[in-house]
């Protein structure tokens, strides 16, 4: 994974962060309607975590 350009890492991280935020919004909508929202909550946490990791690695690779 060291061969990935830092710009691609930043873009991928941003896309995962946006996906995580959208998953949080959807999970909160499901929670307010009384439905099961755990799957979307876990998806949101993983996407945000992965997005942060890729953004940090992209910033470190830029140097």
N, C-alpha and C. Protein backbone atom coordinates (compact mmCIF):
# COMPACT_ATOMS: atom_id res chain seq x y z
N UNK A 1 0.81 -1.20 0.00
CA UNK A 1 0.00 0.00 0.00
C UNK A 1 0.85 1.26 0.00
N UNK A 2 2.16 1.11 0.08
CA UNK A 2 3.03 2.28 0.10
C UNK A 2 3.10 2.96 -1.26
N UNK A 3 2.70 2.29 -2.32
CA UNK A 3 2.81 2.84 -3.66
C UNK A 3 1.66 3.76 -4.04
N UNK A 4 0.67 3.88 -3.18
CA UNK A 4 -0.49 4.71 -3.49
C UNK A 4 -0.11 6.18 -3.31
N UNK A 5 -0.45 6.99 -4.30
CA UNK A 5 -0.15 8.41 -4.25
C UNK A 5 -0.90 9.08 -3.09
N UNK A 6 -0.31 10.10 -2.50
CA UNK A 6 -0.91 10.75 -1.34
C UNK A 6 -2.22 11.44 -1.70
N UNK A 7 -2.37 11.88 -2.95
CA UNK A 7 -3.63 12.53 -3.36
C UNK A 7 -4.78 11.52 -3.40
N UNK A 8 -4.46 10.31 -3.84
CA UNK A 8 -5.48 9.26 -3.88
C UNK A 8 -5.89 8.87 -2.47
N UNK A 9 -4.92 8.82 -1.56
CA UNK A 9 -5.25 8.51 -0.16
C UNK A 9 -6.15 9.58 0.44
N UNK A 10 -5.84 10.86 0.17
CA UNK A 10 -6.68 11.94 0.70
C UNK A 10 -8.09 11.87 0.12
N UNK A 11 -8.19 11.62 -1.18
CA UNK A 11 -9.51 11.54 -1.82
C UNK A 11 -10.30 10.33 -1.29
N UNK A 12 -9.63 9.19 -1.17
CA UNK A 12 -10.30 7.99 -0.63
C UNK A 12 -10.74 8.20 0.81
N UNK A 13 -9.90 8.85 1.60
CA UNK A 13 -10.26 9.14 2.99
C UNK A 13 -11.44 10.08 3.09
N UNK A 14 -11.46 11.09 2.21
CA UNK A 14 -12.59 12.03 2.21
C UNK A 14 -13.88 11.32 1.81
N UNK A 15 -13.80 10.42 0.83
CA UNK A 15 -14.99 9.68 0.40
C UNK A 15 -15.50 8.78 1.52
N UNK A 16 -14.57 8.13 2.23
CA UNK A 16 -14.99 7.28 3.36
C UNK A 16 -15.59 8.11 4.48
N UNK A 17 -15.04 9.29 4.74
CA UNK A 17 -15.60 10.15 5.78
C UNK A 17 -17.01 10.60 5.41
N UNK A 18 -17.22 10.97 4.17
CA UNK A 18 -18.55 11.38 3.72
C UNK A 18 -19.53 10.21 3.83
N UNK A 19 -19.08 9.01 3.43
CA UNK A 19 -19.92 7.82 3.58
C UNK A 19 -20.26 7.54 5.03
N UNK A 20 -19.29 7.74 5.91
CA UNK A 20 -19.54 7.54 7.34
C UNK A 20 -20.55 8.53 7.90
N UNK A 21 -20.44 9.78 7.47
CA UNK A 21 -21.38 10.80 7.93
C UNK A 21 -22.79 10.49 7.43
N UNK A 22 -22.89 10.06 6.18
CA UNK A 22 -24.21 9.70 5.64
C UNK A 22 -24.78 8.48 6.37
N UNK A 23 -23.91 7.54 6.74
CA UNK A 23 -24.38 6.37 7.50
C UNK A 23 -24.86 6.77 8.90
N UNK A 24 -24.20 7.73 9.53
CA UNK A 24 -24.64 8.22 10.84
C UNK A 24 -26.02 8.85 10.71
N UNK A 25 -26.21 9.65 9.69
CA UNK A 25 -27.51 10.30 9.48
C UNK A 25 -28.60 9.25 9.27
N UNK A 26 -28.30 8.24 8.46
CA UNK A 26 -29.30 7.19 8.20
C UNK A 26 -29.58 6.38 9.48
N UNK A 27 -28.54 6.10 10.26
CA UNK A 27 -28.73 5.35 11.51
C UNK A 27 -29.58 6.14 12.49
N UNK A 28 -29.37 7.45 12.55
CA UNK A 28 -30.18 8.28 13.44
C UNK A 28 -31.64 8.33 13.00
N UNK A 29 -31.86 8.33 11.69
CA UNK A 29 -33.25 8.28 11.18
C UNK A 29 -33.91 6.96 11.54
N UNK A 30 -33.16 5.86 11.39
CA UNK A 30 -33.71 4.55 11.75
C UNK A 30 -33.98 4.47 13.25
N UNK A 31 -33.11 5.05 14.05
CA UNK A 31 -33.28 5.03 15.50
C UNK A 31 -34.53 5.79 15.91
N UNK A 32 -34.75 6.94 15.27
CA UNK A 32 -35.92 7.73 15.65
C UNK A 32 -37.22 7.06 15.24
N UNK A 33 -37.17 6.22 14.20
CA UNK A 33 -38.39 5.51 13.79
C UNK A 33 -38.56 4.19 14.52
N UNK A 34 -37.61 3.84 15.39
CA UNK A 34 -37.75 2.63 16.20
C UNK A 34 -37.26 1.37 15.53
N UNK A 35 -36.55 1.48 14.42
CA UNK A 35 -36.05 0.30 13.72
C UNK A 35 -34.62 -0.02 14.17
N UNK A 36 -34.12 -1.17 13.73
CA UNK A 36 -32.76 -1.59 14.08
C UNK A 36 -31.75 -0.75 13.31
N UNK A 37 -30.85 -0.12 14.01
CA UNK A 37 -29.89 0.79 13.39
C UNK A 37 -28.45 0.38 13.65
N UNK A 38 -28.22 -0.73 14.33
CA UNK A 38 -26.87 -1.12 14.74
C UNK A 38 -25.94 -1.34 13.55
N UNK A 39 -26.44 -1.95 12.49
CA UNK A 39 -25.58 -2.22 11.33
C UNK A 39 -25.05 -0.93 10.71
N UNK A 40 -25.89 0.07 10.62
CA UNK A 40 -25.45 1.34 10.04
C UNK A 40 -24.54 2.09 11.00
N UNK A 41 -24.74 1.92 12.30
CA UNK A 41 -23.86 2.54 13.28
C UNK A 41 -22.45 1.96 13.19
N UNK A 42 -22.34 0.65 13.06
CA UNK A 42 -21.03 0.00 12.92
C UNK A 42 -20.39 0.40 11.60
N UNK A 43 -21.17 0.43 10.53
CA UNK A 43 -20.66 0.86 9.23
C UNK A 43 -20.13 2.28 9.30
N UNK A 44 -20.83 3.15 9.98
CA UNK A 44 -20.40 4.54 10.12
C UNK A 44 -19.09 4.63 10.89
N UNK A 45 -18.98 3.88 11.99
CA UNK A 45 -17.74 3.93 12.76
C UNK A 45 -16.55 3.42 11.96
N UNK A 46 -16.74 2.32 11.23
CA UNK A 46 -15.64 1.78 10.42
C UNK A 46 -15.25 2.72 9.29
N UNK A 47 -16.24 3.33 8.65
CA UNK A 47 -15.94 4.25 7.55
C UNK A 47 -15.22 5.50 8.05
N UNK A 48 -15.63 6.02 9.18
CA UNK A 48 -14.97 7.20 9.74
C UNK A 48 -13.55 6.86 10.18
N UNK A 49 -13.39 5.71 10.82
CA UNK A 49 -12.07 5.27 11.26
C UNK A 49 -11.14 5.07 10.06
N UNK A 50 -11.63 4.37 9.04
CA UNK A 50 -10.82 4.14 7.84
C UNK A 50 -10.50 5.44 7.11
N UNK A 51 -11.48 6.34 7.05
CA UNK A 51 -11.24 7.62 6.40
C UNK A 51 -10.19 8.45 7.12
N UNK A 52 -10.26 8.47 8.44
CA UNK A 52 -9.25 9.19 9.22
C UNK A 52 -7.87 8.59 9.01
N UNK A 53 -7.80 7.26 8.98
CA UNK A 53 -6.52 6.58 8.78
C UNK A 53 -5.92 6.92 7.43
N UNK A 54 -6.72 6.88 6.38
CA UNK A 54 -6.22 7.19 5.04
C UNK A 54 -5.83 8.66 4.92
N UNK A 55 -6.57 9.55 5.56
CA UNK A 55 -6.22 10.98 5.51
C UNK A 55 -4.89 11.22 6.22
N UNK A 56 -4.70 10.60 7.39
CA UNK A 56 -3.44 10.75 8.11
C UNK A 56 -2.28 10.19 7.30
N UNK A 57 -2.45 9.02 6.70
CA UNK A 57 -1.39 8.45 5.89
C UNK A 57 -1.13 9.28 4.64
N UNK A 58 -2.17 9.88 4.09
CA UNK A 58 -1.99 10.75 2.93
C UNK A 58 -1.21 12.01 3.28
N UNK A 59 -1.47 12.55 4.45
CA UNK A 59 -0.75 13.75 4.89
C UNK A 59 0.71 13.42 5.19
N UNK A 60 0.95 12.25 5.81
CA UNK A 60 2.32 11.84 6.11
C UNK A 60 3.10 11.52 4.83
N UNK A 61 2.44 10.98 3.83
CA UNK A 61 3.11 10.65 2.57
C UNK A 61 3.42 11.86 1.74
N UNK A 62 2.80 12.97 2.04
CA UNK A 62 2.99 14.20 1.29
C UNK A 62 4.36 14.81 1.57
N UNK A 63 4.93 14.52 2.71
CA UNK A 63 6.21 15.14 3.12
C UNK A 63 7.38 14.65 2.32
